[in-house]
Amino acid sequence: MLDVDREYREKAAAGVLKKITPRRFNSAREAWLPVLHTTRHQRHYTALFSNTAHAHELGKSRDWVVLFCDNDEAEHRFTVITSEFGRLQGQRIVAGREAECEGYYGLSATSSR
């Protein structure tokens, strides 16, 4: 998931992704929200910046990335954010899956930052 997040943020910054026109929080009716469709390990992912009231209130609408993941069995939704505290401060993490992210970044239960 963090690799999908990386790909999305890089391509969004480069301006190479198709942009959609969100209905919410878009009074100008501009196509500003980049969308990525990609596949990893037989799973399809759709990635886009969070366009929620909370993301806008906190100024995170260009930081929080929502991932929709589906395979033949189910669909899941995850949010990737930049951690603001703790051992993962400054790192991209999947909200609610911090322990797995610590492993991804090579942080063992006994290591400190």
PDB file of N, CA and C in Angstrom:
ATOM      1  N   MET A   1       0.816  -1.186   0.000  1.00  0.00           N
ATOM      2  CA  MET A   1       0.000   0.000   0.000  1.00  0.00           C
ATOM      3  C   MET A   1       0.868   1.261   0.000  1.00  0.00           C
ATOM      4  N   LEU A   2       1.976   1.207   0.726  1.00  0.00           N
ATOM      5  CA  LEU A   2       2.851   2.376   0.743  1.00  0.00           C
ATOM      6  C   LEU A   2       3.497   2.606  -0.620  1.00  0.00           C
ATOM      7  N   ASP A   3       3.710   1.540  -1.383  1.00  0.00           N
ATOM      8  CA  ASP A   3       4.251   1.699  -2.731  1.00  0.00           C
ATOM      9  C   ASP A   3       3.220   2.329  -3.660  1.00  0.00           C
ATOM     10  N   VAL A   4       1.957   1.967  -3.503  1.00  0.00           N
ATOM     11  CA  VAL A   4       0.893   2.592  -4.287  1.00  0.00           C
ATOM     12  C   VAL A   4       0.811   4.078  -3.927  1.00  0.00           C
ATOM     13  N   ASP A   5       0.892   4.394  -2.639  1.00  0.00           N
ATOM     14  CA  ASP A   5       0.896   5.779  -2.175  1.00  0.00           C
ATOM     15  C   ASP A   5       2.049   6.554  -2.807  1.00  0.00           C
ATOM     16  N   ARG A   6       3.239   5.952  -2.807  1.00  0.00           N
ATOM     17  CA  ARG A   6       4.411   6.615  -3.397  1.00  0.00           C
ATOM     18  C   ARG A   6       4.175   6.894  -4.875  1.00  0.00           C
ATOM     19  N   GLU A   7       3.701   5.882  -5.600  1.00  0.00           N
ATOM     20  CA  GLU A   7       3.448   6.059  -7.035  1.00  0.00           C
ATOM     21  C   GLU A   7       2.419   7.164  -7.273  1.00  0.00           C
ATOM     22  N   TYR A   8       1.357   7.152  -6.489  1.00  0.00           N
ATOM     23  CA  TYR A   8       0.309   8.164  -6.651  1.00  0.00           C
ATOM     24  C   TYR A   8       0.860   9.564  -6.419  1.00  0.00           C
ATOM     25  N   ARG A   9       1.556   9.760  -5.310  1.00  0.00           N
ATOM     26  CA  ARG A   9       2.059  11.098  -4.983  1.00  0.00           C
ATOM     27  C   ARG A   9       3.072  11.590  -6.014  1.00  0.00           C
ATOM     28  N   GLU A  10       3.928  10.697  -6.497  1.00  0.00           N
ATOM     29  CA  GLU A  10       4.904  11.089  -7.526  1.00  0.00           C
ATOM     30  C   GLU A  10       4.204  11.490  -8.819  1.00  0.00           C
ATOM     31  N   LYS A  11       3.243  10.675  -9.266  1.00  0.00           N
ATOM     32  CA  LYS A  11       2.552  10.969 -10.518  1.00  0.00           C
ATOM     33  C   LYS A  11       1.633  12.181 -10.388  1.00  0.00           C
ATOM     34  N   ALA A  12       1.021  12.362  -9.227  1.00  0.00           N
ATOM     35  CA  ALA A  12       0.189  13.546  -9.010  1.00  0.00           C
ATOM     36  C   ALA A  12       1.047  14.805  -9.057  1.00  0.00           C
ATOM     37  N   ALA A  13       2.219  14.758  -8.422  1.00  0.00           N
ATOM     38  CA  ALA A  13       3.125  15.913  -8.430  1.00  0.00           C
ATOM     39  C   ALA A  13       3.629  16.222  -9.841  1.00  0.00           C
ATOM     40  N   ALA A  14       3.829  15.182 -10.636  1.00  0.00           N
ATOM     41  CA  ALA A  14       4.302  15.368 -12.011  1.00  0.00           C
ATOM     42  C   ALA A  14       3.182  15.807 -12.958  1.00  0.00           C
ATOM     43  N   GLY A  15       1.937  15.733 -12.506  1.00  0.00           N
ATOM     44  CA  GLY A  15       0.813  16.159 -13.326  1.00  0.00           C
ATOM     45  C   GLY A  15       0.440  15.206 -14.440  1.00  0.00           C
ATOM     46  N   VAL A  16       0.757  13.931 -14.272  1.00  0.00           N
ATOM     47  CA  VAL A  16       0.503  12.965 -15.351  1.00  0.00           C
ATOM     48  C   VAL A  16      -0.766  12.137 -15.157  1.00  0.00           C
ATOM     49  N   LEU A  17      -1.477  12.347 -14.055  1.00  0.00           N
ATOM     50  CA  LEU A  17      -2.684  11.571 -13.799  1.00  0.00           C
ATOM     51  C   LEU A  17      -3.929  12.305 -14.300  1.00  0.00           C
ATOM     52  N   LYS A  18      -4.922  11.527 -14.701  1.00  0.00           N
ATOM     53  CA  LYS A  18      -6.215  12.090 -15.058  1.00  0.00           C
ATOM     54  C   LYS A  18      -6.797  12.750 -13.810  1.00  0.00           C
ATOM     55  N   LYS A  19      -7.443  13.897 -13.993  1.00  0.00           N
ATOM     56  CA  LYS A  19      -8.062  14.601 -12.865  1.00  0.00           C
ATOM     57  C   LYS A  19      -9.573  14.564 -13.005  1.00  0.00           C
ATOM     58  N   ILE A  20     -10.223  14.361 -11.867  1.00  0.00           N
ATOM     59  CA  ILE A  20     -11.679  14.358 -11.857  1.00  0.00           C
ATOM     60  C   ILE A  20     -12.189  15.618 -11.162  1.00  0.00           C
ATOM     61  N   THR A  21     -13.465  15.889 -11.336  1.00  0.00           N
ATOM     62  CA  THR A  21     -14.106  17.055 -10.733  1.00  0.00           C
ATOM     63  C   THR A  21     -14.936  16.593  -9.543  1.00  0.00           C
ATOM     64  N   PRO A  22     -14.409  16.744  -8.327  1.00  0.00           N
ATOM     65  CA  PRO A  22     -15.196  16.317  -7.169  1.00  0.00           C
ATOM     66  C   PRO A  22     -16.410  17.233  -6.961  1.00  0.00           C
ATOM     67  N   ARG A  23     -17.476  16.666  -6.459  1.00  0.00           N
ATOM     68  CA  ARG A  23     -18.685  17.450  -6.193  1.00  0.00           C
ATOM     69  C   ARG A  23     -18.569  18.232  -4.891  1.00  0.00           C
ATOM     70  N   ARG A  24     -17.927  17.631  -3.908  1.00  0.00           N
ATOM     71  CA  ARG A  24     -17.802  18.285  -2.601  1.00  0.00           C
ATOM     72  C   ARG A  24     -16.588  19.193  -2.554  1.00  0.00           C
ATOM     73  N   PHE A  25     -16.733  20.293  -1.834  1.00  0.00           N
ATOM     74  CA  PHE A  25     -15.626  21.228  -1.568  1.00  0.00           C
ATOM     75  C   PHE A  25     -14.965  21.694  -2.860  1.00  0.00           C
ATOM     76  N   ASN A  26     -15.774  21.999  -3.849  1.00  0.00           N
ATOM     77  CA  ASN A  26     -15.253  22.386  -5.161  1.00  0.00           C
ATOM     78  C   ASN A  26     -16.241  23.344  -5.823  1.00  0.00           C
ATOM     79  N   SER A  27     -16.408  24.514  -5.205  1.00  0.00           N
ATOM     80  CA  SER A  27     -17.391  25.475  -5.716  1.00  0.00           C
ATOM     81  C   SER A  27     -17.059  25.955  -7.127  1.00  0.00           C
ATOM     82  N   ALA A  28     -15.794  25.923  -7.501  1.00  0.00           N
ATOM     83  CA  ALA A  28     -15.393  26.358  -8.844  1.00  0.00           C
ATOM     84  C   ALA A  28     -15.641  25.278  -9.897  1.00  0.00           C
ATOM     85  N   ARG A  29     -16.008  24.076  -9.455  1.00  0.00           N
ATOM     86  CA  ARG A  29     -16.268  22.949 -10.359  1.00  0.00           C
ATOM     87  C   ARG A  29     -15.057  22.645 -11.252  1.00  0.00           C
ATOM     88  N   GLU A  30     -13.884  22.665 -10.612  1.00  0.00           N
ATOM     89  CA  GLU A  30     -12.638  22.391 -11.334  1.00  0.00           C
ATOM     90  C   GLU A  30     -12.277  20.914 -11.244  1.00  0.00           C
ATOM     91  N   ALA A  31     -11.658  20.419 -12.299  1.00  0.00           N
ATOM     92  CA  ALA A  31     -11.096  19.070 -12.291  1.00  0.00           C
ATOM     93  C   ALA A  31      -9.702  19.178 -11.664  1.00  0.00           C
ATOM     94  N   TRP A  32      -9.621  18.925 -10.370  1.00  0.00           N
ATOM     95  CA  TRP A  32      -8.348  19.094  -9.667  1.00  0.00           C
ATOM     96  C   TRP A  32      -7.866  17.819  -8.971  1.00  0.00           C
ATOM     97  N   LEU A  33      -8.718  16.816  -8.836  1.00  0.00           N
ATOM     98  CA  LEU A  33      -8.388  15.649  -8.020  1.00  0.00           C
ATOM     99  C   LEU A  33      -7.792  14.533  -8.875  1.00  0.00           C
ATOM    100  N   PRO A  34      -6.458  14.337  -8.798  1.00  0.00           N
ATOM    101  CA  PRO A  34      -5.828  13.282  -9.599  1.00  0.00           C
ATOM    102  C   PRO A  34      -6.216  11.895  -9.096  1.00  0.00           C
ATOM    103  N   VAL A  35      -6.369  10.964 -10.036  1.00  0.00           N
ATOM    104  CA  VAL A  35      -6.762   9.594  -9.705  1.00  0.00           C
ATOM    105  C   VAL A  35      -5.792   8.622 -10.363  1.00  0.00           C
ATOM    106  N   LEU A  36      -5.362   7.629  -9.587  1.00  0.00           N
ATOM    107  CA  LEU A  36      -4.478   6.577 -10.077  1.00  0.00           C
ATOM    108  C   LEU A  36      -5.197   5.243 -10.005  1.00  0.00           C
ATOM    109  N   HIS A  37      -5.112   4.468 -11.063  1.00  0.00           N
ATOM    110  CA  HIS A  37      -5.556   3.073 -11.077  1.00  0.00           C
ATOM    111  C   HIS A  37      -4.317   2.232 -11.335  1.00  0.00           C
ATOM    112  N   THR A  38      -4.063   1.265 -10.465  1.00  0.00           N
ATOM    113  CA  THR A  38      -2.879   0.430 -10.612  1.00  0.00           C
ATOM    114  C   THR A  38      -3.153  -0.947 -10.005  1.00  0.00           C
ATOM    115  N   THR A  39      -2.255  -1.882 -10.280  1.00  0.00           N
ATOM    116  CA  THR A  39      -2.401  -3.243  -9.777  1.00  0.00           C
ATOM    117  C   THR A  39      -1.125  -3.663  -9.062  1.00  0.00           C
ATOM    118  N   ARG A  40      -1.307  -4.348  -7.938  1.00  0.00           N
ATOM    119  CA  ARG A  40      -0.207  -4.950  -7.194  1.00  0.00           C
ATOM    120  C   ARG A  40      -0.679  -6.323  -6.737  1.00  0.00           C
ATOM    121  N   HIS A  41       0.092  -7.353  -7.041  1.00  0.00           N
ATOM    122  CA  HIS A  41      -0.179  -8.709  -6.547  1.00  0.00           C
ATOM    123  C   HIS A  41      -1.643  -9.111  -6.746  1.00  0.00           C
ATOM    124  N   GLN A  42      -2.134  -8.960  -7.932  1.00  0.00           N
ATOM    125  CA  GLN A  42      -3.495  -9.359  -8.321  1.00  0.00           C
ATOM    126  C   GLN A  42      -4.587  -8.575  -7.600  1.00  0.00           C
ATOM    127  N   ARG A  43      -4.229  -7.419  -7.074  1.00  0.00           N
ATOM    128  CA  ARG A  43      -5.213  -6.529  -6.458  1.00  0.00           C
ATOM    129  C   ARG A  43      -5.234  -5.220  -7.232  1.00  0.00           C
ATOM    130  N   HIS A  44      -6.431  -4.718  -7.461  1.00  0.00           N
ATOM    131  CA  HIS A  44      -6.579  -3.430  -8.130  1.00  0.00           C
ATOM    132  C   HIS A  44      -6.689  -2.333  -7.074  1.00  0.00           C
ATOM    133  N   TYR A  45      -5.958  -1.244  -7.279  1.00  0.00           N
ATOM    134  CA  TYR A  45      -5.998  -0.106  -6.366  1.00  0.00           C
ATOM    135  C   TYR A  45      -6.449   1.140  -7.117  1.00  0.00           C
ATOM    136  N   THR A  46      -7.262   1.933  -6.450  1.00  0.00           N
ATOM    137  CA  THR A  46      -7.577   3.277  -6.894  1.00  0.00           C
ATOM    138  C   THR A  46      -7.095   4.201  -5.784  1.00  0.00           C
ATOM    139  N   ALA A  47      -6.316   5.210  -6.146  1.00  0.00           N
ATOM    140  CA  ALA A  47      -5.757   6.133  -5.164  1.00  0.00           C
ATOM    141  C   ALA A  47      -6.153   7.557  -5.515  1.00  0.00           C
ATOM    142  N   LEU A  48      -6.502   8.330  -4.484  1.00  0.00           N
ATOM    143  CA  LEU A  48      -6.800   9.742  -4.674  1.00  0.00           C
ATOM    144  C   LEU A  48      -6.623  10.472  -3.353  1.00  0.00           C
ATOM    145  N   PHE A  49      -6.384  11.778  -3.434  1.00  0.00           N
ATOM    146  CA  PHE A  49      -6.270  12.575  -2.224  1.00  0.00           C
ATOM    147  C   PHE A  49      -7.612  12.594  -1.507  1.00  0.00           C
ATOM    148  N   SER A  50      -7.572  12.658  -0.188  1.00  0.00           N
ATOM    149  CA  SER A  50      -8.795  12.707   0.603  1.00  0.00           C
ATOM    150  C   SER A  50      -9.503  14.035   0.372  1.00  0.00           C
ATOM    151  N   ASN A  51     -10.773  13.975   0.052  1.00  0.00           N
ATOM    152  CA  ASN A  51     -11.577  15.175  -0.183  1.00  0.00           C
ATOM    153  C   ASN A  51     -12.702  15.238   0.848  1.00  0.00           C
ATOM    154  N   THR A  52     -12.335  14.998   2.118  1.00  0.00           N
ATOM    155  CA  THR A  52     -13.318  15.046   3.194  1.00  0.00           C
ATOM    156  C   THR A  52     -13.261  16.397   3.897  1.00  0.00           C
ATOM    157  N   ALA A  53     -14.325  16.718   4.608  1.00  0.00           N
ATOM    158  CA  ALA A  53     -14.346  17.959   5.377  1.00  0.00           C
ATOM    159  C   ALA A  53     -13.190  17.980   6.379  1.00  0.00           C
ATOM    160  N   HIS A  54     -12.939  16.847   7.037  1.00  0.00           N
ATOM    161  CA  HIS A  54     -11.871  16.770   8.038  1.00  0.00           C
ATOM    162  C   HIS A  54     -10.502  17.027   7.416  1.00  0.00           C
ATOM    163  N   ALA A  55     -10.241  16.433   6.257  1.00  0.00           N
ATOM    164  CA  ALA A  55      -8.959  16.654   5.575  1.00  0.00           C
ATOM    165  C   ALA A  55      -8.788  18.131   5.219  1.00  0.00           C
ATOM    166  N   HIS A  56      -9.841  18.750   4.737  1.00  0.00           N
ATOM    167  CA  HIS A  56      -9.763  20.178   4.387  1.00  0.00           C
ATOM    168  C   HIS A  56      -9.592  21.045   5.626  1.00  0.00           C
ATOM    169  N   GLU A  57     -10.319  20.732   6.703  1.00  0.00           N
ATOM    170  CA  GLU A  57     -10.207  21.499   7.951  1.00  0.00           C
ATOM    171  C   GLU A  57      -8.789  21.489   8.494  1.00  0.00           C
ATOM    172  N   LEU A  58      -8.123  20.341   8.380  1.00  0.00           N
ATOM    173  CA  LEU A  58      -6.763  20.198   8.921  1.00  0.00           C
ATOM    174  C   LEU A  58      -5.671  20.535   7.915  1.00  0.00           C
ATOM    175  N   GLY A  59      -6.059  20.932   6.707  1.00  0.00           N
ATOM    176  CA  GLY A  59      -5.068  21.250   5.678  1.00  0.00           C
ATOM    177  C   GLY A  59      -4.325  20.027   5.174  1.00  0.00           C
ATOM    178  N   LYS A  60      -4.988  18.870   5.186  1.00  0.00           N
ATOM    179  CA  LYS A  60      -4.343  17.613   4.805  1.00  0.00           C
ATOM    180  C   LYS A  60      -4.864  17.054   3.478  1.00  0.00           C
ATOM    181  N   SER A  61      -5.615  17.833   2.730  1.00  0.00           N
ATOM    182  CA  SER A  61      -6.225  17.309   1.504  1.00  0.00           C
ATOM    183  C   SER A  61      -5.199  17.004   0.416  1.00  0.00           C
ATOM    184  N   ARG A  62      -3.962  17.443   0.590  1.00  0.00           N
ATOM    185  CA  ARG A  62      -2.882  17.075  -0.341  1.00  0.00           C
ATOM    186  C   ARG A  62      -1.858  16.167   0.322  1.00  0.00           C
ATOM    187  N   ASP A  63      -2.177  15.685   1.517  1.00  0.00           N
ATOM    188  CA  ASP A  63      -1.310  14.752   2.230  1.00  0.00           C
ATOM    189  C   ASP A  63      -1.989  13.396   2.384  1.00  0.00           C
ATOM    190  N   TRP A  64      -3.224  13.400   2.830  1.00  0.00           N
ATOM    191  CA  TRP A  64      -3.929  12.138   3.047  1.00  0.00           C
ATOM    192  C   TRP A  64      -4.320  11.535   1.712  1.00  0.00           C
ATOM    193  N   VAL A  65      -3.963  10.283   1.523  1.00  0.00           N
ATOM    194  CA  VAL A  65      -4.278   9.562   0.290  1.00  0.00           C
ATOM    195  C   VAL A  65      -5.192   8.393   0.647  1.00  0.00           C
ATOM    196  N   VAL A  66      -6.334   8.319  -0.026  1.00  0.00           N
ATOM    197  CA  VAL A  66      -7.280   7.239   0.189  1.00  0.00           C
ATOM    198  C   VAL A  66      -7.027   6.163  -0.863  1.00  0.00           C
ATOM    199  N   LEU A  67      -6.878   4.933  -0.407  1.00  0.00           N
ATOM    200  CA  LEU A  67      -6.667   3.795  -1.300  1.00  0.00           C
ATOM    201  C   LEU A  67      -7.885   2.879  -1.226  1.00  0.00           C
ATOM    202  N   PHE A  68      -8.434   2.584  -2.376  1.00  0.00           N
ATOM    203  CA  PHE A  68      -9.481   1.580  -2.488  1.00  0.00           C
ATOM    204  C   PHE A  68      -8.818   0.367  -3.115  1.00  0.00           C
ATOM    205  N   CYS A  69      -8.946  -0.775  -2.470  1.00  0.00           N
ATOM    206  CA  CYS A  69      -8.295  -1.995  -2.921  1.00  0.00           C
ATOM    207  C   CYS A  69      -9.343  -3.076  -3.089  1.00  0.00           C
ATOM    208  N   ASP A  70      -9.320  -3.737  -4.234  1.00  0.00           N
ATOM    209  CA  ASP A  70     -10.260  -4.840  -4.403  1.00  0.00           C
ATOM    210  C   ASP A  70      -9.597  -5.999  -5.119  1.00  0.00           C
ATOM    211  N   ASN A  71     -10.108  -7.183  -4.791  1.00  0.00           N
ATOM    212  CA  ASN A  71      -9.730  -8.399  -5.481  1.00  0.00           C
ATOM    213  C   ASN A  71     -11.026  -9.150  -5.763  1.00  0.00           C
ATOM    214  N   ASP A  72     -10.962 -10.398  -6.070  1.00  0.00           N
ATOM    215  CA  ASP A  72     -12.174 -11.149  -6.389  1.00  0.00           C
ATOM    216  C   ASP A  72     -13.099 -11.338  -5.191  1.00  0.00           C
ATOM    217  N   GLU A  73     -12.589 -11.136  -3.982  1.00  0.00           N
ATOM    218  CA  GLU A  73     -13.365 -11.457  -2.790  1.00  0.00           C
ATOM    219  C   GLU A  73     -13.965 -10.259  -2.068  1.00  0.00           C
ATOM    220  N   ALA A  74     -13.275  -9.130  -2.053  1.00  0.00           N
ATOM    221  CA  ALA A  74     -13.741  -8.011  -1.241  1.00  0.00           C
ATOM    222  C   ALA A  74     -13.117  -6.697  -1.699  1.00  0.00           C
ATOM    223  N   GLU A  75     -13.674  -5.604  -1.167  1.00  0.00           N
ATOM    224  CA  GLU A  75     -13.110  -4.273  -1.390  1.00  0.00           C
ATOM    225  C   GLU A  75     -12.760  -3.681  -0.029  1.00  0.00           C
ATOM    226  N   HIS A  76     -11.638  -3.011   0.038  1.00  0.00           N
ATOM    227  CA  HIS A  76     -11.173  -2.412   1.285  1.00  0.00           C
ATOM    228  C   HIS A  76     -10.798  -0.965   1.026  1.00  0.00           C
ATOM    229  N   ARG A  77     -10.830  -0.173   2.086  1.00  0.00           N
ATOM    230  CA  ARG A  77     -10.445   1.237   1.995  1.00  0.00           C
ATOM    231  C   ARG A  77      -9.416   1.527   3.074  1.00  0.00           C
ATOM    232  N   PHE A  78      -8.358   2.210   2.693  1.00  0.00           N
ATOM    233  CA  PHE A  78      -7.295   2.571   3.620  1.00  0.00           C
ATOM    234  C   PHE A  78      -6.942   4.038   3.411  1.00  0.00           C
ATOM    235  N   THR A  79      -6.419   4.664   4.450  1.00  0.00           N
ATOM    236  CA  THR A  79      -5.930   6.038   4.328  1.00  0.00           C
ATOM    237  C   THR A  79      -4.461   6.056   4.692  1.00  0.00           C
ATOM    238  N   VAL A  80      -3.658   6.651   3.823  1.00  0.00           N
ATOM    239  CA  VAL A  80      -2.224   6.781   4.055  1.00  0.00           C
ATOM    240  C   VAL A  80      -1.961   8.243   4.416  1.00  0.00           C
ATOM    241  N   ILE A  81      -1.232   8.442   5.498  1.00  0.00           N
ATOM    242  CA  ILE A  81      -0.961   9.787   6.008  1.00  0.00           C
ATOM    243  C   ILE A  81       0.522   9.918   6.344  1.00  0.00           C
ATOM    244  N   THR A  82       0.952  11.139   6.597  1.00  0.00           N
ATOM    245  CA  THR A  82       2.278  11.368   7.149  1.00  0.00           C
ATOM    246  C   THR A  82       2.126  11.410   8.663  1.00  0.00           C
ATOM    247  N   SER A  83       2.793  10.498   9.354  1.00  0.00           N
ATOM    248  CA  SER A  83       2.693  10.441  10.807  1.00  0.00           C
ATOM    249  C   SER A  83       3.267  11.712  11.422  1.00  0.00           C
ATOM    250  N   GLU A  84       2.574  12.228  12.418  1.00  0.00           N
ATOM    251  CA  GLU A  84       3.003  13.476  13.058  1.00  0.00           C
ATOM    252  C   GLU A  84       3.631  13.272  14.425  1.00  0.00           C
ATOM    253  N   PHE A  85       3.682  12.027  14.897  1.00  0.00           N
ATOM    254  CA  PHE A  85       4.252  11.799  16.220  1.00  0.00           C
ATOM    255  C   PHE A  85       4.741  10.364  16.344  1.00  0.00           C
ATOM    256  N   GLY A  86       5.408  10.098  17.448  1.00  0.00           N
ATOM    257  CA  GLY A  86       5.872   8.736  17.747  1.00  0.00           C
ATOM    258  C   GLY A  86       7.056   8.305  16.911  1.00  0.00           C
ATOM    259  N   ARG A  87       7.286   7.011  16.920  1.00  0.00           N
ATOM    260  CA  ARG A  87       8.449   6.432  16.236  1.00  0.00           C
ATOM    261  C   ARG A  87       8.373   6.590  14.721  1.00  0.00           C
ATOM    262  N   LEU A  88       7.187   6.791  14.200  1.00  0.00           N
ATOM    263  CA  LEU A  88       7.010   6.915  12.752  1.00  0.00           C
ATOM    264  C   LEU A  88       6.836   8.361  12.300  1.00  0.00           C
ATOM    265  N   GLN A  89       7.135   9.302  13.169  1.00  0.00           N
ATOM    266  CA  GLN A  89       6.967  10.720  12.830  1.00  0.00           C
ATOM    267  C   GLN A  89       7.691  11.045  11.526  1.00  0.00           C
ATOM    268  N   GLY A  90       6.963  11.690  10.624  1.00  0.00           N
ATOM    269  CA  GLY A  90       7.534  12.088   9.339  1.00  0.00           C
ATOM    270  C   GLY A  90       7.455  11.014   8.263  1.00  0.00           C
ATOM    271  N   GLN A  91       7.072   9.797   8.630  1.00  0.00           N
ATOM    272  CA  GLN A  91       6.983   8.688   7.678  1.00  0.00           C
ATOM    273  C   GLN A  91       5.555   8.555   7.154  1.00  0.00           C
ATOM    274  N   ARG A  92       5.428   8.038   5.954  1.00  0.00           N
ATOM    275  CA  ARG A  92       4.115   7.718   5.405  1.00  0.00           C
ATOM    276  C   ARG A  92       3.656   6.414   6.061  1.00  0.00           C
ATOM    277  N   ILE A  93       2.433   6.412   6.571  1.00  0.00           N
ATOM    278  CA  ILE A  93       1.896   5.224   7.234  1.00  0.00           C
ATOM    279  C   ILE A  93       0.457   4.974   6.792  1.00  0.00           C
ATOM    280  N   VAL A  94       0.027   3.732   6.924  1.00  0.00           N
ATOM    281  CA  VAL A  94      -1.362   3.373   6.694  1.00  0.00           C
ATOM    282  C   VAL A  94      -2.058   3.495   8.044  1.00  0.00           C
ATOM    283  N   ALA A  95      -3.012   4.407   8.139  1.00  0.00           N
ATOM    284  CA  ALA A  95      -3.705   4.634   9.403  1.00  0.00           C
ATOM    285  C   ALA A  95      -4.335   3.334   9.890  1.00  0.00           C
ATOM    286  N   GLY A  96      -4.104   3.038  11.162  1.00  0.00           N
ATOM    287  CA  GLY A  96      -4.631   1.820  11.758  1.00  0.00           C
ATOM    288  C   GLY A  96      -3.730   0.613  11.589  1.00  0.00           C
ATOM    289  N   ARG A  97      -2.669   0.774  10.826  1.00  0.00           N
ATOM    290  CA  ARG A  97      -1.751  -0.355  10.599  1.00  0.00           C
ATOM    291  C   ARG A  97      -0.312   0.063  10.937  1.00  0.00           C
ATOM    292  N   GLU A  98      -0.201   0.822  12.015  1.00  0.00           N
ATOM    293  CA  GLU A  98       1.096   1.367  12.402  1.00  0.00           C
ATOM    294  C   GLU A  98       2.127   0.284  12.702  1.00  0.00           C
ATOM    295  N   ALA A  99       1.718  -0.797  13.346  1.00  0.00           N
ATOM    296  CA  ALA A  99       2.672  -1.869  13.673  1.00  0.00           C
ATOM    297  C   ALA A  99       3.271  -2.464  12.403  1.00  0.00           C
ATOM    298  N   GLU A 100       2.448  -2.684  11.394  1.00  0.00           N
ATOM    299  CA  GLU A 100       2.965  -3.200  10.121  1.00  0.00           C
ATOM    300  C   GLU A 100       3.894  -2.185   9.457  1.00  0.00           C
ATOM    301  N   CYS A 101       3.567  -0.904   9.597  1.00  0.00           N
ATOM    302  CA  CYS A 101       4.418   0.136   9.012  1.00  0.00           C
ATOM    303  C   CYS A 101       5.767   0.202   9.720  1.00  0.00           C
ATOM    304  N   GLU A 102       5.770  -0.017  11.038  1.00  0.00           N
ATOM    305  CA  GLU A 102       7.044  -0.066  11.758  1.00  0.00           C
ATOM    306  C   GLU A 102       7.920  -1.168  11.177  1.00  0.00           C
ATOM    307  N   GLY A 103       7.333  -2.325  10.898  1.00  0.00           N
ATOM    308  CA  GLY A 103       8.080  -3.412  10.273  1.00  0.00           C
ATOM    309  C   GLY A 103       8.568  -3.029   8.885  1.00  0.00           C
ATOM    310  N   TYR A 104       7.748  -2.356   8.124  1.00  0.00           N
ATOM    311  CA  TYR A 104       8.118  -1.912   6.780  1.00  0.00           C
ATOM    312  C   TYR A 104       9.350  -0.999   6.825  1.00  0.00           C
ATOM    313  N   TYR A 105       9.391  -0.125   7.833  1.00  0.00           N
ATOM    314  CA  TYR A 105      10.514   0.801   7.968  1.00  0.00           C
ATOM    315  C   TYR A 105      11.665   0.211   8.780  1.00  0.00           C
ATOM    316  N   GLY A 106      11.561  -1.068   9.151  1.00  0.00           N
ATOM    317  CA  GLY A 106      12.649  -1.732   9.854  1.00  0.00           C
ATOM    318  C   GLY A 106      12.763  -1.368  11.315  1.00  0.00           C
ATOM    319  N   LEU A 107      11.666  -0.955  11.931  1.00  0.00           N
ATOM    320  CA  LEU A 107      11.681  -0.617  13.344  1.00  0.00           C
ATOM    321  C   LEU A 107      11.175  -1.822  14.132  1.00  0.00           C
ATOM    322  N   SER A 108      12.032  -2.404  14.901  1.00  0.00           N
ATOM    323  CA  SER A 108      11.616  -3.538  15.735  1.00  0.00           C
ATOM    324  C   SER A 108      10.974  -3.017  17.005  1.00  0.00           C
ATOM    325  N   ALA A 109      10.403  -3.897  17.775  1.00  0.00           N
ATOM    326  CA  ALA A 109       9.730  -3.510  19.015  1.00  0.00           C
ATOM    327  C   ALA A 109      10.696  -2.888  20.012  1.00  0.00           C
ATOM    328  N   THR A 110      11.974  -3.192  19.895  1.00  0.00           N
ATOM    329  CA  THR A 110      12.936  -2.677  20.874  1.00  0.00           C
ATOM    330  C   THR A 110      13.748  -1.495  20.359  1.00  0.00           C
ATOM    331  N   SER A 111      13.651  -1.191  19.059  1.00  0.00           N
ATOM    332  CA  SER A 111      14.442  -0.086  18.535  1.00  0.00           C
ATOM    333  C   SER A 111      13.764   1.232  18.868  1.00  0.00           C
ATOM    334  N   SER A 112      14.525   2.293  18.879  1.00  0.00           N
ATOM    335  CA  SER A 112      13.964   3.624  19.137  1.00  0.00           C
ATOM    336  C   SER A 112      14.395   4.574  18.048  1.00  0.00           C
ATOM    337  N   ARG A 113      13.690   5.676  17.971  1.00  0.00           N
ATOM    338  CA  ARG A 113      13.988   6.697  16.967  1.00  0.00           C
ATOM    339  C   ARG A 113      14.383   7.978  17.621  1.00  0.00           C
TER     340      ARG A 113
END
